[in-house]
Amino acid sequence: MFCLATPLFRRGRKLPTSRLGASTKYGLFRLTEQFDPDSHRTLRVARLMPISSSEPAKEVLMPLWDATVIYANRRYWTVTGIEREEIEGTEVSLRQTWALAEFPPEVCDDIESELLAGREWSLPVTMLGRSAVPAPPPKPIDPRETGGKSTLGGR
């Protein structure tokens, strides 16, 4: 799935909402199973790979180990897991959550046609600086504030 991915934490701490757009990356989301020698078991691993017609490169974001999809609705997904990072010479496991927004179908078609033609693809200008975090739902209407009248326009 081609998508925008916004990590919600940095080194185990929640990022402020104002910084989410700056941390958003884009790529090809993959969820696979892999044996983990540290825990001696098979785990689900989420990866965000670069969109490229050339050889696969290093992940765009650090992989999420023991990944779990905790929300999926239309084009939005939320995946949580453990990020392994080296801090001051010691490998630590930190919680991480990615908010994912699947690219619209027309953008996915553009990506596939560019890759099939052997050309590199770049993110449309209209998608730069976007966050994968969906907009909050509209505030519920309290019938006491409208005097019990319908807000559906004439019904």
Protein backbone atom coordinates (compact mmCIF):
# COMPACT_ATOMS: atom_id res chain seq x y z
CA MET A 1 0.00 0.00 0.00
CA PHE A 2 1.41 3.41 -0.99
CA CYS A 3 0.86 5.84 1.86
CA LEU A 4 1.85 8.76 4.06
CA ALA A 5 3.14 7.63 7.47
CA THR A 6 3.34 9.88 10.50
CA PRO A 7 5.24 8.59 13.55
CA LEU A 8 3.43 9.82 16.67
CA PHE A 9 6.38 9.38 19.06
CA ARG A 10 10.06 10.36 19.09
CA ARG A 11 12.31 8.35 21.40
CA GLY A 12 9.29 7.12 23.33
CA ARG A 13 7.70 10.56 23.85
CA LYS A 14 4.56 11.80 22.13
CA LEU A 15 5.24 14.42 19.45
CA PRO A 16 3.31 17.70 19.67
CA THR A 17 0.55 17.96 17.05
CA SER A 18 2.31 20.96 15.49
CA ARG A 19 5.34 18.77 14.59
CA LEU A 20 3.47 15.84 13.04
CA GLY A 21 3.52 17.24 9.48
CA ALA A 22 7.32 17.66 9.59
CA SER A 23 7.85 14.03 10.65
CA THR A 24 5.57 12.57 7.95
CA LYS A 25 7.24 10.33 5.37
CA TYR A 26 5.88 8.50 2.36
CA GLY A 27 6.53 5.06 0.96
CA LEU A 28 5.31 1.52 0.45
CA PHE A 29 3.84 0.04 3.64
CA ARG A 30 4.51 -3.66 4.29
CA LEU A 31 3.40 -5.88 7.16
CA THR A 32 5.21 -9.23 7.27
CA GLU A 33 6.22 -11.93 9.72
CA GLN A 34 9.85 -12.45 10.63
CA PHE A 35 11.75 -14.50 13.19
CA ASP A 36 13.17 -12.30 15.92
CA PRO A 37 16.33 -13.71 17.53
CA ASP A 38 16.00 -11.34 20.52
CA SER A 39 12.60 -12.66 21.60
CA HIS A 40 13.08 -16.17 20.09
CA ARG A 41 9.76 -16.09 18.26
CA THR A 42 8.12 -14.98 15.03
CA LEU A 43 6.76 -11.42 15.09
CA ARG A 44 4.83 -9.19 12.74
CA VAL A 45 7.08 -6.42 11.43
CA ALA A 46 5.79 -3.19 9.83
CA ARG A 47 8.07 -1.42 7.38
CA LEU A 48 7.85 1.70 5.26
CA MET A 49 9.96 1.16 2.16
CA PRO A 50 10.97 3.83 -0.36
CA ILE A 51 8.99 4.15 -3.59
CA SER A 52 11.62 3.46 -6.21
CA SER A 53 12.04 1.72 -9.53
CA SER A 54 15.62 0.83 -8.61
CA GLU A 55 16.81 -1.77 -6.11
CA PRO A 56 15.00 -1.74 -2.74
CA ALA A 57 16.81 0.52 -0.30
CA LYS A 58 16.87 0.97 3.43
CA GLU A 59 13.56 1.58 5.19
CA VAL A 60 12.19 5.13 5.28
CA LEU A 61 11.27 4.70 8.97
CA MET A 62 12.71 2.28 11.52
CA PRO A 63 10.75 -1.00 11.45
CA LEU A 64 8.03 -1.64 14.03
CA TRP A 65 8.51 -5.01 15.72
CA ASP A 66 5.53 -6.92 17.14
CA ALA A 67 3.33 -4.63 15.01
CA THR A 68 -0.43 -4.54 15.50
CA VAL A 69 -3.06 -2.78 13.42
CA ILE A 70 -5.21 -1.03 16.02
CA TYR A 71 -7.42 1.00 13.65
CA ALA A 72 -8.46 0.69 10.01
CA ASN A 73 -11.15 2.76 8.34
CA ARG A 74 -11.35 3.63 4.66
CA ARG A 75 -7.97 5.15 3.81
CA TYR A 76 -6.67 5.59 7.37
CA TRP A 77 -4.79 3.01 9.44
CA THR A 78 -3.02 3.08 12.80
CA VAL A 79 -0.22 0.61 13.51
CA THR A 80 1.59 0.30 16.81
CA GLY A 81 4.71 -1.62 17.75
CA ILE A 82 8.22 -1.46 19.13
CA GLU A 83 11.00 0.56 17.50
CA ARG A 84 14.57 -0.55 18.21
CA GLU A 85 16.99 2.35 18.36
CA GLU A 86 20.57 2.73 19.48
CA ILE A 87 20.95 5.47 22.10
CA GLU A 88 24.40 6.18 23.54
CA GLY A 89 25.72 2.81 22.38
CA THR A 90 22.87 0.79 23.86
CA GLU A 91 20.01 -0.72 21.86
CA VAL A 92 16.69 0.23 23.42
CA SER A 93 13.12 -0.75 22.55
CA LEU A 94 10.71 2.16 22.40
CA ARG A 95 6.97 2.27 21.75
CA GLN A 96 5.93 3.77 18.44
CA THR A 97 2.68 4.35 16.59
CA TRP A 98 2.30 5.22 12.93
CA ALA A 99 -0.74 7.00 11.54
CA LEU A 100 -1.06 5.88 7.92
CA ALA A 101 -3.06 7.52 5.14
CA GLU A 102 -3.34 5.54 1.93
CA PHE A 103 -2.70 7.56 -1.24
CA PRO A 104 -5.78 8.27 -3.39
CA PRO A 105 -6.29 5.74 -6.23
CA GLU A 106 -5.22 8.22 -8.94
CA VAL A 107 -1.88 8.82 -7.17
CA CYS A 108 -1.35 5.03 -6.83
CA ASP A 109 -2.02 4.67 -10.57
CA ASP A 110 0.58 7.39 -11.31
CA ILE A 111 3.14 5.65 -9.09
CA GLU A 112 2.63 2.28 -10.76
CA SER A 113 2.81 3.71 -14.30
CA GLU A 114 6.02 5.65 -13.49
CA LEU A 115 7.65 2.59 -11.91
CA LEU A 116 6.65 0.35 -14.83
CA ALA A 117 8.22 2.88 -17.20
CA GLY A 118 11.45 2.73 -15.14
CA ARG A 119 11.18 6.32 -13.97
CA GLU A 120 11.51 7.68 -10.44
CA TRP A 121 8.35 8.98 -8.79
CA SER A 122 8.12 12.05 -6.57
CA LEU A 123 5.45 13.19 -4.15
CA PRO A 124 2.97 15.71 -5.66
CA VAL A 125 3.45 19.26 -4.36
CA THR A 126 -0.13 19.25 -3.03
CA MET A 127 0.80 16.44 -0.59
CA LEU A 128 4.00 18.02 0.81
CA GLY A 129 3.85 18.82 4.52
CA ARG A 130 0.69 16.81 5.07
CA SER A 131 0.21 14.64 8.10
CA ALA A 132 -1.30 11.15 7.90
CA VAL A 133 -3.36 11.91 11.00
CA PRO A 134 -7.01 12.31 9.93
CA ALA A 135 -8.93 15.47 10.75
CA PRO A 136 -10.98 15.24 13.94
CA PRO A 137 -14.65 14.40 13.48
CA PRO A 138 -17.13 17.27 13.55
CA LYS A 139 -18.42 18.29 16.93
CA PRO A 140 -21.70 16.53 17.75
CA ILE A 141 -24.74 18.78 17.69
CA ASP A 142 -26.53 19.12 21.01
CA PRO A 143 -30.32 19.32 20.42
CA ARG A 144 -30.63 21.50 23.53
CA GLU A 145 -28.54 24.19 21.80
CA THR A 146 -30.72 24.17 18.66
CA GLY A 147 -33.99 24.26 20.58
CA GLY A 148 -34.81 20.73 19.43
CA LYS A 149 -35.04 21.90 15.79
CA SER A 150 -33.59 19.83 13.00
CA THR A 151 -30.25 20.97 11.58
CA LEU A 152 -30.81 19.06 8.33
CA GLY A 153 -32.20 22.08 6.50
CA GLY A 154 -35.99 22.08 6.31
CA ARG A 155 -36.81 18.59 7.54
